[in-house]
Protein backbone atom coordinates (compact mmCIF):
# COMPACT_ATOMS: atom_id res chain seq x y z
CA UNK A 1 0.00 0.00 0.00
CA UNK A 2 1.23 3.48 -0.85
CA UNK A 3 1.49 6.31 1.60
CA UNK A 4 -0.48 9.49 1.20
CA UNK A 5 2.48 11.38 -0.32
CA UNK A 6 3.26 8.60 -2.78
CA UNK A 7 -0.38 8.63 -3.92
CA UNK A 8 -0.18 12.39 -4.50
CA UNK A 9 2.96 11.96 -6.61
CA UNK A 10 1.34 9.21 -8.69
CA UNK A 11 -1.79 11.32 -9.25
CA UNK A 12 0.23 14.37 -10.27
CA UNK A 13 2.29 12.34 -12.79
CA UNK A 14 -0.93 10.97 -14.32
CA UNK A 15 -2.29 14.50 -14.52
CA UNK A 16 0.87 15.67 -16.30
CA UNK A 17 0.64 12.83 -18.80
CA UNK A 18 -2.99 13.63 -19.63
CA UNK A 19 -2.36 17.35 -20.36
CA UNK A 20 -2.43 18.51 -23.95
CA UNK A 21 0.83 19.75 -25.45
CA UNK A 22 1.38 23.52 -25.38
CA UNK A 23 1.12 25.33 -28.68
CA UNK A 24 4.58 26.90 -28.86
CA UNK A 25 3.87 28.57 -32.22
CA UNK A 26 1.90 31.29 -30.47
CA UNK A 27 4.99 32.35 -28.54
CA UNK A 28 7.06 33.26 -31.59
CA UNK A 29 7.82 36.91 -32.19
CA UNK A 30 6.23 38.18 -35.36
CA UNK A 31 8.43 40.64 -37.19
CA UNK A 32 6.88 43.07 -39.67
CA UNK A 33 8.27 43.31 -43.17
CA UNK A 34 7.58 45.35 -46.29
CA UNK A 35 4.76 43.05 -47.41
CA UNK A 36 2.90 42.91 -44.07
CA UNK A 37 3.03 46.62 -43.18
CA UNK A 38 -0.19 48.59 -43.58
CA UNK A 39 0.22 52.35 -43.88
CA UNK A 40 -2.36 55.03 -43.16
CA UNK A 41 -2.40 58.73 -43.96
CA UNK A 42 -2.87 61.40 -41.30
CA UNK A 43 -3.19 65.19 -41.32
CA UNK A 44 -1.79 67.28 -38.47
CA UNK A 45 -2.49 70.99 -38.11
CA UNK A 46 0.62 72.72 -36.74
CA UNK A 47 -1.05 76.10 -36.18
CA UNK A 48 -0.24 77.44 -32.67
CA UNK A 49 1.45 74.14 -31.67
CA UNK A 50 4.78 74.06 -29.85
CA UNK A 51 7.40 72.77 -32.30
CA UNK A 52 9.24 70.17 -30.22
CA UNK A 53 6.16 68.66 -28.58
CA UNK A 54 4.33 68.35 -31.89
CA UNK A 55 7.26 66.98 -33.87
CA UNK A 56 8.15 64.34 -31.28
CA UNK A 57 4.64 62.90 -31.62
CA UNK A 58 4.73 63.14 -35.42
CA UNK A 59 8.12 61.41 -35.53
CA UNK A 60 6.72 58.56 -33.44
CA UNK A 61 3.82 58.06 -35.87
CA UNK A 62 6.10 58.40 -38.92
CA UNK A 63 8.43 55.78 -37.46
CA UNK A 64 5.57 53.44 -36.53
CA UNK A 65 6.30 53.28 -32.81
CA UNK A 66 2.60 53.74 -32.04
CA UNK A 67 1.75 50.39 -33.68
CA UNK A 68 1.86 47.01 -31.92
CA UNK A 69 3.64 45.56 -34.96
CA UNK A 70 6.58 48.01 -34.69
CA UNK A 71 9.84 46.57 -35.96
CA UNK A 72 12.95 48.75 -35.52
CA UNK A 73 14.64 47.89 -38.84
CA UNK A 74 11.53 48.21 -41.07
CA UNK A 75 9.77 51.28 -42.43
CA UNK A 76 6.41 50.53 -40.79
CA UNK A 77 5.35 54.11 -40.08
CA UNK A 78 2.35 55.98 -41.41
CA UNK A 79 2.33 58.98 -43.73
CA UNK A 80 1.84 62.28 -41.89
CA UNK A 81 0.89 65.53 -43.62
CA UNK A 82 1.76 68.61 -41.56
CA UNK A 83 -0.22 71.67 -42.65
CA UNK A 84 0.27 75.29 -41.50
CA UNK A 85 3.94 74.61 -40.81
CA UNK A 86 4.76 78.34 -40.92
CA UNK A 87 2.45 78.97 -37.94
CA UNK A 88 4.26 76.68 -35.51
CA UNK A 89 5.37 78.25 -32.21
CA UNK A 90 8.72 78.25 -30.45
CA UNK A 91 8.66 78.86 -26.70
CA UNK A 92 10.68 81.47 -24.87
CA UNK A 93 13.21 83.49 -26.89
CA UNK A 94 14.03 80.62 -29.26
CA UNK A 95 12.78 82.52 -32.32
CA UNK A 96 15.67 84.98 -31.88
CA UNK A 97 18.23 82.85 -30.01
CA UNK A 98 18.01 79.43 -31.72
CA UNK A 99 20.58 79.16 -34.50
CA UNK A 100 20.87 76.65 -37.32
CA UNK A 101 24.36 75.94 -38.64
CA UNK A 102 25.30 74.98 -42.20
CA UNK A 103 28.79 74.20 -43.44
CA UNK A 104 29.85 74.02 -47.08
CA UNK A 105 33.07 72.14 -46.32
CA UNK A 106 35.29 74.98 -47.45
CA UNK A 107 37.34 77.22 -45.15
CA UNK A 108 35.14 80.05 -43.96
CA UNK A 109 32.04 78.25 -45.28
CA UNK A 110 30.24 77.91 -41.95
CA UNK A 111 27.03 79.95 -41.69
CA UNK A 112 24.56 80.56 -38.88
CA UNK A 113 20.93 81.59 -39.29
CA UNK A 114 18.35 82.27 -36.59
CA UNK A 115 14.98 80.52 -36.51
CA UNK A 116 13.18 83.79 -37.27
CA UNK A 117 15.22 84.43 -40.43
CA UNK A 118 14.92 80.80 -41.52
CA UNK A 119 11.11 80.92 -41.10
CA UNK A 120 11.03 84.08 -43.23
CA UNK A 121 13.26 82.53 -45.89
CA UNK A 122 11.81 78.97 -45.98
CA UNK A 123 8.74 78.54 -43.76
CA UNK A 124 8.86 74.73 -43.68
CA UNK A 125 12.60 74.35 -43.04
CA UNK A 126 12.38 74.69 -39.23
CA UNK A 127 9.86 71.83 -39.08
CA UNK A 128 11.94 69.75 -41.53
CA UNK A 129 15.10 70.16 -39.46
CA UNK A 130 13.23 69.28 -36.27
CA UNK A 131 11.73 66.08 -37.69
CA UNK A 132 15.03 65.01 -39.29
CA UNK A 133 16.73 65.44 -35.94
CA UNK A 134 14.28 63.00 -34.32
CA UNK A 135 14.65 60.24 -36.93
CA UNK A 136 17.56 57.78 -37.26
CA UNK A 137 20.65 59.03 -39.07
CA UNK A 138 20.88 56.20 -41.64
CA UNK A 139 19.16 54.85 -44.78
CA UNK A 140 16.07 53.94 -42.78
CA UNK A 141 15.85 57.51 -41.48
CA UNK A 142 15.88 58.81 -45.07
CA UNK A 143 13.02 56.43 -45.95
CA UNK A 144 11.09 57.46 -42.84
CA UNK A 145 11.48 61.14 -43.70
CA UNK A 146 9.63 60.44 -46.95
CA UNK A 147 6.61 59.51 -44.78
CA UNK A 148 6.37 63.14 -43.62
CA UNK A 149 4.90 65.76 -45.94
CA UNK A 150 5.32 69.35 -44.72
CA UNK A 151 3.17 72.09 -46.23
CA UNK A 152 3.34 75.78 -45.35
CA UNK A 153 -0.32 76.59 -46.08
CA UNK A 154 -3.65 75.22 -44.86
CA UNK A 155 -4.37 73.07 -47.94
CA UNK A 156 -2.60 69.97 -49.24
CA UNK A 157 -2.78 67.96 -52.45
CA UNK A 158 -3.08 64.49 -50.86
CA UNK A 159 -6.89 64.29 -50.82
CA UNK A 160 -6.85 61.10 -52.90
CA UNK A 161 -5.29 59.20 -49.96
CA UNK A 162 -8.24 60.20 -47.71
CA UNK A 163 -6.10 61.20 -44.71
CA UNK A 164 -7.55 61.13 -41.20
CA UNK A 165 -7.19 64.10 -38.85
CA UNK A 166 -4.68 63.35 -36.11
CA UNK A 167 -4.65 65.22 -32.80
CA UNK A 168 -2.31 64.83 -29.87
CA UNK A 169 -2.90 65.49 -26.18
CA UNK A 170 -0.14 68.04 -25.81
């Protein structure tokens, strides 16, 4: 005759033998690729929005980090159209103090321009530089930048894509 503990061990082994095998396929990580990525189009109005706060959210959507199927080495981001880019705000004294540097590569070829002058010269360039700074500095970053369409005025020519309005809680 078996003791109480031996009976428990025998019962537990029978219970283990009767269990169904675990489906291990459901535990595999699914990696997105070019064929499985679905892209949407969004419109963001930049009027009276703070530049850095807005662009950090736009960069996240353009990169695809808001999706559950995000894969770091794949262009899985959505297309974002930024309208009214010339009406974006900079906080504090950044309009006068923030400087953008360009260098031609030649001696004496380094130039500085303030944000105010750059906005007057090319209204979308401040937004472009901000979004480029928040994307990876490689081939993938160049592909991701093509997901962002920056327009100075209130109208865009991407109506055929039926973009959805995107708002952020900033």
